[in-house]
C-alpha cells in the first residue's frame, strides 16, 4: 500500500538537507524518474515507493524533484519568488498557492 502524500499542490515546503523553500507544483505517489537520474542525483537513496514532489525553488529559476522524507512544512507567511509561478497558480491566500481555474 502506498503512503498518502503529506503535502499538496500549492503548499510551501522547506528542504531539510539543502535549506531552500519552494512551492509544490505536482505530486507523484511514488518515484517516477529515470533509474539513471536516481543513481546519479538521489545519493541518500530515498525510498521510491513513497511520495515525491516537483517543487519550484524560491528565488531561483529552476524546479527540483524531491523525496518526501527531505521536506517539511515551510514558512507560509511569505510568498516565494519564481518566474514560473503564474503558469501554475493564480493567487496566494491563507498561506498557500491556489491553482489556476480552481477555487
PDB file of N, CA and C in Angstrom:
ATOM      1  N   UNK A   1       0.838  -1.190   0.000  1.00  0.00           N
ATOM      2  CA  UNK A   1       0.000   0.000   0.000  1.00  0.00           C
ATOM      3  C   UNK A   1       0.880   1.249   0.000  1.00  0.00           C
ATOM      4  N   UNK A   2       0.520   2.209  -0.843  1.00  0.00           N
ATOM      5  CA  UNK A   2       1.330   3.413  -0.946  1.00  0.00           C
ATOM      6  C   UNK A   2       0.931   4.430   0.118  1.00  0.00           C
ATOM      7  N   UNK A   3       1.929   5.183   0.550  1.00  0.00           N
ATOM      8  CA  UNK A   3       1.690   6.215   1.558  1.00  0.00           C
ATOM      9  C   UNK A   3       0.936   7.390   0.950  1.00  0.00           C
ATOM     10  N   UNK A   4       0.067   7.979   1.736  1.00  0.00           N
ATOM     11  CA  UNK A   4      -0.619   9.198   1.309  1.00  0.00           C
ATOM     12  C   UNK A   4       0.380  10.351   1.372  1.00  0.00           C
ATOM     13  N   UNK A   5       0.408  11.221   0.364  1.00  0.00           N
ATOM     14  CA  UNK A   5       1.327  12.362   0.407  1.00  0.00           C
ATOM     15  C   UNK A   5       1.012  13.275   1.597  1.00  0.00           C
ATOM     16  N   UNK A   6       2.054  13.748   2.252  1.00  0.00           N
ATOM     17  CA  UNK A   6       1.894  14.679   3.376  1.00  0.00           C
ATOM     18  C   UNK A   6       1.605  16.095   2.896  1.00  0.00           C
ATOM     19  N   UNK A   7       2.037  16.420   1.688  1.00  0.00           N
ATOM     20  CA  UNK A   7       1.893  17.779   1.167  1.00  0.00           C
ATOM     21  C   UNK A   7       1.059  17.778  -0.107  1.00  0.00           C
ATOM     22  N   UNK A   8       0.452  18.924  -0.391  1.00  0.00           N
ATOM     23  CA  UNK A   8      -0.415  19.058  -1.561  1.00  0.00           C
ATOM     24  C   UNK A   8       0.109  20.156  -2.487  1.00  0.00           C
ATOM     25  N   UNK A   9      -0.378  20.136  -3.711  1.00  0.00           N
ATOM     26  CA  UNK A   9      -0.024  21.177  -4.674  1.00  0.00           C
ATOM     27  C   UNK A   9      -0.419  22.529  -4.096  1.00  0.00           C
ATOM     28  N   UNK A  10       0.522  23.478  -4.172  1.00  0.00           N
ATOM     29  CA  UNK A  10       0.291  24.825  -3.664  1.00  0.00           C
ATOM     30  C   UNK A  10       0.854  25.072  -2.278  1.00  0.00           C
ATOM     31  N   UNK A  11       1.265  24.009  -1.599  1.00  0.00           N
ATOM     32  CA  UNK A  11       1.842  24.184  -0.262  1.00  0.00           C
ATOM     33  C   UNK A  11       3.301  24.610  -0.344  1.00  0.00           C
ATOM     34  N   UNK A  12       3.694  25.447   0.610  1.00  0.00           N
ATOM     35  CA  UNK A  12       5.084  25.871   0.716  1.00  0.00           C
ATOM     36  C   UNK A  12       5.814  24.873   1.610  1.00  0.00           C
ATOM     37  N   UNK A  13       6.978  24.440   1.133  1.00  0.00           N
ATOM     38  CA  UNK A  13       7.770  23.457   1.861  1.00  0.00           C
ATOM     39  C   UNK A  13       9.195  23.967   2.057  1.00  0.00           C
ATOM     40  N   UNK A  14       9.920  23.298   2.938  1.00  0.00           N
ATOM     41  CA  UNK A  14      11.324  23.596   3.210  1.00  0.00           C
ATOM     42  C   UNK A  14      12.114  22.309   3.035  1.00  0.00           C
ATOM     43  N   UNK A  15      13.209  22.384   2.285  1.00  0.00           N
ATOM     44  CA  UNK A  15      14.064  21.214   2.076  1.00  0.00           C
ATOM     45  C   UNK A  15      15.019  21.092   3.257  1.00  0.00           C
ATOM     46  N   UNK A  16      14.979  19.947   3.927  1.00  0.00           N
ATOM     47  CA  UNK A  16      15.761  19.749   5.148  1.00  0.00           C
ATOM     48  C   UNK A  16      17.263  19.684   4.905  1.00  0.00           C
ATOM     49  N   UNK A  17      17.684  19.085   3.808  1.00  0.00           N
ATOM     50  CA  UNK A  17      19.123  18.932   3.552  1.00  0.00           C
ATOM     51  C   UNK A  17      19.745  20.170   2.919  1.00  0.00           C
ATOM     52  N   UNK A  18      19.028  20.775   1.977  1.00  0.00           N
ATOM     53  CA  UNK A  18      19.620  21.873   1.201  1.00  0.00           C
ATOM     54  C   UNK A  18      19.071  23.244   1.581  1.00  0.00           C
ATOM     55  N   UNK A  19      18.217  23.301   2.602  1.00  0.00           N
ATOM     56  CA  UNK A  19      17.765  24.551   3.207  1.00  0.00           C
ATOM     57  C   UNK A  19      17.214  25.568   2.206  1.00  0.00           C
ATOM     58  N   UNK A  20      16.315  25.138   1.345  1.00  0.00           N
ATOM     59  CA  UNK A  20      15.620  26.106   0.496  1.00  0.00           C
ATOM     60  C   UNK A  20      14.118  25.939   0.686  1.00  0.00           C
ATOM     61  N   UNK A  21      13.401  27.018   0.376  1.00  0.00           N
ATOM     62  CA  UNK A  21      11.944  26.983   0.386  1.00  0.00           C
ATOM     63  C   UNK A  21      11.463  26.809  -1.039  1.00  0.00           C
ATOM     64  N   UNK A  22      10.239  26.331  -1.180  1.00  0.00           N
ATOM     65  CA  UNK A  22       9.652  26.204  -2.504  1.00  0.00           C
ATOM     66  C   UNK A  22       8.170  25.925  -2.398  1.00  0.00           C
ATOM     67  N   UNK A  23       7.524  25.844  -3.553  1.00  0.00           N
ATOM     68  CA  UNK A  23       6.095  25.524  -3.590  1.00  0.00           C
ATOM     69  C   UNK A  23       5.905  24.278  -4.450  1.00  0.00           C
ATOM     70  N   UNK A  24       5.043  23.397  -3.994  1.00  0.00           N
ATOM     71  CA  UNK A  24       4.783  22.147  -4.702  1.00  0.00           C
ATOM     72  C   UNK A  24       3.899  22.407  -5.917  1.00  0.00           C
ATOM     73  N   UNK A  25       4.342  21.909  -7.079  1.00  0.00           N
ATOM     74  CA  UNK A  25       3.551  22.073  -8.300  1.00  0.00           C
ATOM     75  C   UNK A  25       3.001  20.747  -8.807  1.00  0.00           C
ATOM     76  N   UNK A  26       3.518  19.629  -8.296  1.00  0.00           N
ATOM     77  CA  UNK A  26       2.988  18.326  -8.682  1.00  0.00           C
ATOM     78  C   UNK A  26       3.435  17.290  -7.657  1.00  0.00           C
ATOM     79  N   UNK A  27       2.637  16.234  -7.535  1.00  0.00           N
ATOM     80  CA  UNK A  27       2.925  15.159  -6.578  1.00  0.00           C
ATOM     81  C   UNK A  27       2.868  13.826  -7.315  1.00  0.00           C
ATOM     82  N   UNK A  28       3.883  13.003  -7.118  1.00  0.00           N
ATOM     83  CA  UNK A  28       3.883  11.627  -7.628  1.00  0.00           C
ATOM     84  C   UNK A  28       3.730  10.699  -6.427  1.00  0.00           C
ATOM     85  N   UNK A  29       2.831   9.743  -6.511  1.00  0.00           N
ATOM     86  CA  UNK A  29       2.602   8.809  -5.402  1.00  0.00           C
ATOM     87  C   UNK A  29       3.855   7.991  -5.094  1.00  0.00           C
ATOM     88  N   UNK A  30       4.681   7.805  -6.120  1.00  0.00           N
ATOM     89  CA  UNK A  30       5.968   7.143  -5.938  1.00  0.00           C
ATOM     90  C   UNK A  30       6.924   7.697  -6.976  1.00  0.00           C
ATOM     91  N   UNK A  31       8.199   7.401  -6.829  1.00  0.00           N
ATOM     92  CA  UNK A  31       9.227   7.913  -7.732  1.00  0.00           C
ATOM     93  C   UNK A  31       8.886   7.576  -9.179  1.00  0.00           C
ATOM     94  N   UNK A  32       8.968   8.600 -10.053  1.00  0.00           N
ATOM     95  CA  UNK A  32       8.655   8.339 -11.463  1.00  0.00           C
ATOM     96  C   UNK A  32       9.754   8.820 -12.408  1.00  0.00           C
ATOM     97  N   UNK A  33      10.928   9.088 -11.864  1.00  0.00           N
ATOM     98  CA  UNK A  33      12.042   9.500 -12.704  1.00  0.00           C
ATOM     99  C   UNK A  33      12.781   8.306 -13.270  1.00  0.00           C
ATOM    100  N   UNK A  34      13.865   8.592 -13.960  1.00  0.00           N
ATOM    101  CA  UNK A  34      14.653   7.516 -14.566  1.00  0.00           C
ATOM    102  C   UNK A  34      15.584   6.875 -13.535  1.00  0.00           C
ATOM    103  N   UNK A  35      15.973   5.661 -13.822  1.00  0.00           N
ATOM    104  CA  UNK A  35      16.920   4.958 -12.954  1.00  0.00           C
ATOM    105  C   UNK A  35      18.263   5.677 -12.956  1.00  0.00           C
ATOM    106  N   UNK A  36      18.665   6.193 -14.111  1.00  0.00           N
ATOM    107  CA  UNK A  36      19.945   6.895 -14.218  1.00  0.00           C
ATOM    108  C   UNK A  36      19.947   8.155 -13.349  1.00  0.00           C
ATOM    109  N   UNK A  37      18.855   8.919 -13.379  1.00  0.00           N
ATOM    110  CA  UNK A  37      18.773  10.129 -12.553  1.00  0.00           C
ATOM    111  C   UNK A  37      18.854   9.743 -11.085  1.00  0.00           C
ATOM    112  N   UNK A  38      18.110   8.747 -10.677  1.00  0.00           N
ATOM    113  CA  UNK A  38      18.100   8.315  -9.278  1.00  0.00           C
ATOM    114  C   UNK A  38      19.512   7.925  -8.823  1.00  0.00           C
ATOM    115  N   UNK A  39      20.199   7.148  -9.633  1.00  0.00           N
ATOM    116  CA  UNK A  39      21.554   6.703  -9.288  1.00  0.00           C
ATOM    117  C   UNK A  39      22.519   7.876  -9.178  1.00  0.00           C
ATOM    118  N   UNK A  40      22.373   8.868 -10.057  1.00  0.00           N
ATOM    119  CA  UNK A  40      23.306   9.985 -10.097  1.00  0.00           C
ATOM    120  C   UNK A  40      22.977  11.063  -9.070  1.00  0.00           C
ATOM    121  N   UNK A  41      21.688  11.362  -8.868  1.00  0.00           N
ATOM    122  CA  UNK A  41      21.297  12.523  -8.068  1.00  0.00           C
ATOM    123  C   UNK A  41      20.814  12.173  -6.666  1.00  0.00           C
ATOM    124  N   UNK A  42      20.060  11.106  -6.539  1.00  0.00           N
ATOM    125  CA  UNK A  42      19.452  10.765  -5.242  1.00  0.00           C
ATOM    126  C   UNK A  42      20.445   9.976  -4.387  1.00  0.00           C
ATOM    127  N   UNK A  43      21.496  10.655  -3.974  1.00  0.00           N
ATOM    128  CA  UNK A  43      22.607   9.982  -3.302  1.00  0.00           C
ATOM    129  C   UNK A  43      22.235   9.337  -1.969  1.00  0.00           C
ATOM    130  N   UNK A  44      21.254   9.880  -1.272  1.00  0.00           N
ATOM    131  CA  UNK A  44      20.870   9.294   0.019  1.00  0.00           C
ATOM    132  C   UNK A  44      19.900   8.130  -0.164  1.00  0.00           C
ATOM    133  N   UNK A  45      19.567   7.828  -1.411  1.00  0.00           N
ATOM    134  CA  UNK A  45      18.692   6.708  -1.758  1.00  0.00           C
ATOM    135  C   UNK A  45      17.345   6.735  -1.030  1.00  0.00           C
ATOM    136  N   UNK A  46      16.600   7.847  -1.181  1.00  0.00           N
ATOM    137  CA  UNK A  46      15.285   7.887  -0.555  1.00  0.00           C
ATOM    138  C   UNK A  46      14.365   6.826  -1.161  1.00  0.00           C
ATOM    139  N   UNK A  47      13.375   6.372  -0.418  1.00  0.00           N
ATOM    140  CA  UNK A  47      12.511   5.304  -0.922  1.00  0.00           C
ATOM    141  C   UNK A  47      11.757   5.705  -2.184  1.00  0.00           C
ATOM    142  N   UNK A  48      11.710   4.790  -3.129  1.00  0.00           N
ATOM    143  CA  UNK A  48      10.994   5.046  -4.383  1.00  0.00           C
ATOM    144  C   UNK A  48       9.498   4.808  -4.239  1.00  0.00           C
ATOM    145  N   UNK A  49       9.089   4.065  -3.211  1.00  0.00           N
ATOM    146  CA  UNK A  49       7.671   3.737  -3.066  1.00  0.00           C
ATOM    147  C   UNK A  49       6.933   4.708  -2.143  1.00  0.00           C
ATOM    148  N   UNK A  50       7.549   5.840  -1.848  1.00  0.00           N
ATOM    149  CA  UNK A  50       6.916   6.910  -1.069  1.00  0.00           C
ATOM    150  C   UNK A  50       6.730   8.119  -1.990  1.00  0.00           C
ATOM    151  N   UNK A  51       5.917   9.103  -1.592  1.00  0.00           N
ATOM    152  CA  UNK A  51       5.673  10.266  -2.461  1.00  0.00           C
ATOM    153  C   UNK A  51       6.933  11.075  -2.789  1.00  0.00           C
ATOM    154  N   UNK A  52       6.938  11.621  -4.001  1.00  0.00           N
ATOM    155  CA  UNK A  52       7.969  12.540  -4.487  1.00  0.00           C
ATOM    156  C   UNK A  52       7.254  13.778  -5.000  1.00  0.00           C
ATOM    157  N   UNK A  53       7.935  14.928  -4.943  1.00  0.00           N
ATOM    158  CA  UNK A  53       7.310  16.209  -5.260  1.00  0.00           C
ATOM    159  C   UNK A  53       8.125  17.013  -6.265  1.00  0.00           C
ATOM    160  N   UNK A  54       7.407  17.697  -7.151  1.00  0.00           N
ATOM    161  CA  UNK A  54       8.010  18.664  -8.066  1.00  0.00           C
ATOM    162  C   UNK A  54       7.854  20.015  -7.388  1.00  0.00           C
ATOM    163  N   UNK A  55       8.973  20.714  -7.176  1.00  0.00           N
ATOM    164  CA  UNK A  55       8.980  21.930  -6.370  1.00  0.00           C
ATOM    165  C   UNK A  55       9.638  23.080  -7.135  1.00  0.00           C
ATOM    166  N   UNK A  56       8.948  24.237  -7.185  1.00  0.00           N
ATOM    167  CA  UNK A  56       9.571  25.458  -7.696  1.00  0.00           C
ATOM    168  C   UNK A  56      10.399  26.040  -6.555  1.00  0.00           C
ATOM    169  N   UNK A  57      11.669  26.309  -6.808  1.00  0.00           N
ATOM    170  CA  UNK A  57      12.588  26.771  -5.771  1.00  0.00           C
ATOM    171  C   UNK A  57      12.509  28.283  -5.623  1.00  0.00           C
ATOM    172  N   UNK A  58      12.315  28.736  -4.387  1.00  0.00           N
ATOM    173  CA  UNK A  58      12.225  30.161  -4.071  1.00  0.00           C
ATOM    174  C   UNK A  58      13.512  30.892  -4.454  1.00  0.00           C
ATOM    175  N   UNK A  59      13.354  32.020  -5.162  1.00  0.00           N
ATOM    176  CA  UNK A  59      14.493  32.850  -5.523  1.00  0.00           C
ATOM    177  C   UNK A  59      15.386  32.264  -6.593  1.00  0.00           C
ATOM    178  N   UNK A  60      14.898  31.248  -7.301  1.00  0.00           N
ATOM    179  CA  UNK A  60      15.701  30.589  -8.339  1.00  0.00           C
ATOM    180  C   UNK A  60      14.893  30.515  -9.633  1.00  0.00           C
ATOM    181  N   UNK A  61      15.512  29.942 -10.652  1.00  0.00           N
ATOM    182  CA  UNK A  61      14.858  29.798 -11.948  1.00  0.00           C
ATOM    183  C   UNK A  61      14.448  28.352 -12.213  1.00  0.00           C
ATOM    184  N   UNK A  62      14.838  27.438 -11.359  1.00  0.00           N
ATOM    185  CA  UNK A  62      14.646  26.013 -11.627  1.00  0.00           C
ATOM    186  C   UNK A  62      13.639  25.381 -10.660  1.00  0.00           C
ATOM    187  N   UNK A  63      13.300  24.142 -10.988  1.00  0.00           N
ATOM    188  CA  UNK A  63      12.473  23.342 -10.088  1.00  0.00           C
ATOM    189  C   UNK A  63      13.279  22.109  -9.702  1.00  0.00           C
ATOM    190  N   UNK A  64      12.829  21.416  -8.663  1.00  0.00           N
ATOM    191  CA  UNK A  64      13.523  20.215  -8.218  1.00  0.00           C
ATOM    192  C   UNK A  64      12.520  19.075  -8.084  1.00  0.00           C
ATOM    193  N   UNK A  65      13.037  17.883  -7.968  1.00  0.00           N
ATOM    194  CA  UNK A  65      12.240  16.672  -7.755  1.00  0.00           C
ATOM    195  C   UNK A  65      12.744  16.083  -6.444  1.00  0.00           C
ATOM    196  N   UNK A  66      11.872  16.049  -5.425  1.00  0.00           N
ATOM    197  CA  UNK A  66      12.319  15.789  -4.062  1.00  0.00           C
ATOM    198  C   UNK A  66      11.504  14.680  -3.407  1.00  0.00           C
ATOM    199  N   UNK A  67      12.196  13.780  -2.722  1.00  0.00           N
ATOM    200  CA  UNK A  67      11.534  12.749  -1.930  1.00  0.00           C
ATOM    201  C   UNK A  67      10.893  13.379  -0.696  1.00  0.00           C
ATOM    202  N   UNK A  68       9.746  12.841  -0.311  1.00  0.00           N
ATOM    203  CA  UNK A  68       9.012  13.406   0.822  1.00  0.00           C
ATOM    204  C   UNK A  68       9.851  13.477   2.091  1.00  0.00           C
ATOM    205  N   UNK A  69      10.708  12.501   2.312  1.00  0.00           N
ATOM    206  CA  UNK A  69      11.453  12.488   3.575  1.00  0.00           C
ATOM    207  C   UNK A  69      12.414  13.667   3.714  1.00  0.00           C
ATOM    208  N   UNK A  70      12.669  14.389   2.627  1.00  0.00           N
ATOM    209  CA  UNK A  70      13.561  15.548   2.685  1.00  0.00           C
ATOM    210  C   UNK A  70      12.804  16.862   2.866  1.00  0.00           C
ATOM    211  N   UNK A  71      11.482  16.790   3.023  1.00  0.00           N
ATOM    212  CA  UNK A  71      10.678  18.012   3.123  1.00  0.00           C
ATOM    213  C   UNK A  71       9.964  18.124   4.462  1.00  0.00           C
ATOM    214  N   UNK A  72       9.748  19.376   4.855  1.00  0.00           N
ATOM    215  CA  UNK A  72       8.891  19.700   5.985  1.00  0.00           C
ATOM    216  C   UNK A  72       8.050  20.902   5.576  1.00  0.00           C
ATOM    217  N   UNK A  73       7.005  21.186   6.333  1.00  0.00           N
ATOM    218  CA  UNK A  73       6.191  22.368   6.046  1.00  0.00           C
ATOM    219  C   UNK A  73       7.080  23.599   6.145  1.00  0.00           C
ATOM    220  N   UNK A  74       6.929  24.499   5.190  1.00  0.00           N
ATOM    221  CA  UNK A  74       7.752  25.701   5.162  1.00  0.00           C
ATOM    222  C   UNK A  74       7.027  26.889   5.765  1.00  0.00           C
ATOM    223  N   UNK A  75       7.741  27.992   5.910  1.00  0.00           N
ATOM    224  CA  UNK A  75       7.160  29.240   6.397  1.00  0.00           C
ATOM    225  C   UNK A  75       6.202  29.756   5.336  1.00  0.00           C
ATOM    226  N   UNK A  76       4.920  29.704   5.643  1.00  0.00           N
ATOM    227  CA  UNK A  76       3.935  30.092   4.634  1.00  0.00           C
ATOM    228  C   UNK A  76       3.468  31.535   4.804  1.00  0.00           C
ATOM    229  N   UNK A  77       4.158  32.306   5.659  1.00  0.00           N
ATOM    230  CA  UNK A  77       3.761  33.701   5.828  1.00  0.00           C
ATOM    231  C   UNK A  77       4.313  34.571   4.700  1.00  0.00           C
ATOM    232  N   UNK A  78       5.337  34.077   4.021  1.00  0.00           N
ATOM    233  CA  UNK A  78       5.923  34.822   2.909  1.00  0.00           C
ATOM    234  C   UNK A  78       5.782  34.042   1.617  1.00  0.00           C
ATOM    235  N   UNK A  79       5.420  34.762   0.560  1.00  0.00           N
ATOM    236  CA  UNK A  79       5.317  34.124  -0.746  1.00  0.00           C
ATOM    237  C   UNK A  79       6.717  33.780  -1.252  1.00  0.00           C
ATOM    238  N   UNK A  80       6.770  32.885  -2.217  1.00  0.00           N
ATOM    239  CA  UNK A  80       8.053  32.597  -2.845  1.00  0.00           C
ATOM    240  C   UNK A  80       8.162  33.402  -4.131  1.00  0.00           C
ATOM    241  N   UNK A  81       9.389  33.502  -4.634  1.00  0.00           N
ATOM    242  CA  UNK A  81       9.635  34.192  -5.894  1.00  0.00           C
ATOM    243  C   UNK A  81      10.168  33.189  -6.895  1.00  0.00           C
ATOM    244  N   UNK A  82       9.424  33.044  -7.988  1.00  0.00           N
ATOM    245  CA  UNK A  82       9.855  32.139  -9.066  1.00  0.00           C
ATOM    246  C   UNK A  82       9.155  32.585 -10.341  1.00  0.00           C
ATOM    247  N   UNK A  83       9.888  32.661 -11.464  1.00  0.00           N
ATOM    248  CA  UNK A  83       9.280  33.163 -12.701  1.00  0.00           C
ATOM    249  C   UNK A  83       8.150  32.293 -13.246  1.00  0.00           C
ATOM    250  N   UNK A  84       8.071  31.029 -12.871  1.00  0.00           N
ATOM    251  CA  UNK A  84       7.028  30.143 -13.411  1.00  0.00           C
ATOM    252  C   UNK A  84       5.779  30.066 -12.536  1.00  0.00           C
ATOM    253  N   UNK A  85       5.733  30.802 -11.441  1.00  0.00           N
ATOM    254  CA  UNK A  85       4.566  30.721 -10.541  1.00  0.00           C
ATOM    255  C   UNK A  85       3.249  30.893 -11.275  1.00  0.00           C
ATOM    256  N   UNK A  86       3.180  31.888 -12.156  1.00  0.00           N
ATOM    257  CA  UNK A  86       1.939  32.199 -12.867  1.00  0.00           C
ATOM    258  C   UNK A  86       1.473  31.109 -13.817  1.00  0.00           C
ATOM    259  N   UNK A  87       2.359  30.204 -14.190  1.00  0.00           N
ATOM    260  CA  UNK A  87       1.958  29.086 -15.058  1.00  0.00           C
ATOM    261  C   UNK A  87       1.122  28.069 -14.295  1.00  0.00           C
ATOM    262  N   UNK A  88       1.272  28.052 -12.982  1.00  0.00           N
ATOM    263  CA  UNK A  88       0.607  27.047 -12.153  1.00  0.00           C
ATOM    264  C   UNK A  88      -0.470  27.612 -11.237  1.00  0.00           C
ATOM    265  N   UNK A  89      -0.238  28.832 -10.746  1.00  0.00           N
ATOM    266  CA  UNK A  89      -1.123  29.397  -9.733  1.00  0.00           C
ATOM    267  C   UNK A  89      -1.595  30.791 -10.117  1.00  0.00           C
ATOM    268  N   UNK A  90      -2.799  31.146  -9.634  1.00  0.00           N
ATOM    269  CA  UNK A  90      -3.272  32.497  -9.918  1.00  0.00           C
ATOM    270  C   UNK A  90      -3.428  33.363  -8.676  1.00  0.00           C
ATOM    271  N   UNK A  91      -3.292  32.754  -7.483  1.00  0.00           N
ATOM    272  CA  UNK A  91      -3.347  33.590  -6.285  1.00  0.00           C
ATOM    273  C   UNK A  91      -2.710  32.887  -5.096  1.00  0.00           C
ATOM    274  N   UNK A  92      -2.390  33.716  -4.097  1.00  0.00           N
ATOM    275  CA  UNK A  92      -1.817  33.248  -2.841  1.00  0.00           C
ATOM    276  C   UNK A  92      -2.710  33.756  -1.730  1.00  0.00           C
ATOM    277  N   UNK A  93      -3.244  32.858  -0.918  1.00  0.00           N
ATOM    278  CA  UNK A  93      -4.042  33.280   0.233  1.00  0.00           C
ATOM    279  C   UNK A  93      -4.013  32.202   1.296  1.00  0.00           C
ATOM    280  N   UNK A  94      -4.167  32.607   2.528  1.00  0.00           N
ATOM    281  CA  UNK A  94      -4.154  31.688   3.679  1.00  0.00           C
ATOM    282  C   UNK A  94      -2.913  30.802   3.690  1.00  0.00           C
ATOM    283  N   UNK A  95      -1.774  31.359   3.270  1.00  0.00           N
ATOM    284  CA  UNK A  95      -0.511  30.641   3.354  1.00  0.00           C
ATOM    285  C   UNK A  95      -0.263  29.600   2.295  1.00  0.00           C
ATOM    286  N   UNK A  96      -1.055  29.599   1.224  1.00  0.00           N
ATOM    287  CA  UNK A  96      -0.828  28.624   0.151  1.00  0.00           C
ATOM    288  C   UNK A  96      -1.188  29.229  -1.198  1.00  0.00           C
ATOM    289  N   UNK A  97      -0.678  28.588  -2.246  1.00  0.00           N
ATOM    290  CA  UNK A  97      -0.985  28.996  -3.610  1.00  0.00           C
ATOM    291  C   UNK A  97      -2.194  28.215  -4.113  1.00  0.00           C
ATOM    292  N   UNK A  98      -2.977  28.868  -4.950  1.00  0.00           N
ATOM    293  CA  UNK A  98      -4.180  28.247  -5.497  1.00  0.00           C
ATOM    294  C   UNK A  98      -4.025  28.092  -7.002  1.00  0.00           C
ATOM    295  N   UNK A  99      -4.335  26.879  -7.470  1.00  0.00           N
ATOM    296  CA  UNK A  99      -4.143  26.568  -8.894  1.00  0.00           C
ATOM    297  C   UNK A  99      -5.038  27.410  -9.780  1.00  0.00           C
ATOM    298  N   UNK A 100      -4.521  27.671 -10.960  1.00  0.00           N
ATOM    299  CA  UNK A 100      -5.300  28.412 -11.961  1.00  0.00           C
ATOM    300  C   UNK A 100      -6.628  27.694 -12.210  1.00  0.00           C
ATOM    301  N   UNK A 101      -7.710  28.450 -12.206  1.00  0.00           N
ATOM    302  CA  UNK A 101      -9.010  27.875 -12.514  1.00  0.00           C
ATOM    303  C   UNK A 101      -9.652  27.097 -11.381  1.00  0.00           C
ATOM    304  N   UNK A 102      -8.977  27.012 -10.242  1.00  0.00           N
ATOM    305  CA  UNK A 102      -9.554  26.309  -9.086  1.00  0.00           C
ATOM    306  C   UNK A 102      -9.923  27.350  -8.025  1.00  0.00           C
ATOM    307  N   UNK A 103     -10.896  27.038  -7.215  1.00  0.00           N
ATOM    308  CA  UNK A 103     -11.283  27.995  -6.174  1.00  0.00           C
ATOM    309  C   UNK A 103     -10.530  27.767  -4.893  1.00  0.00           C
TER     310      UNK A 103
END
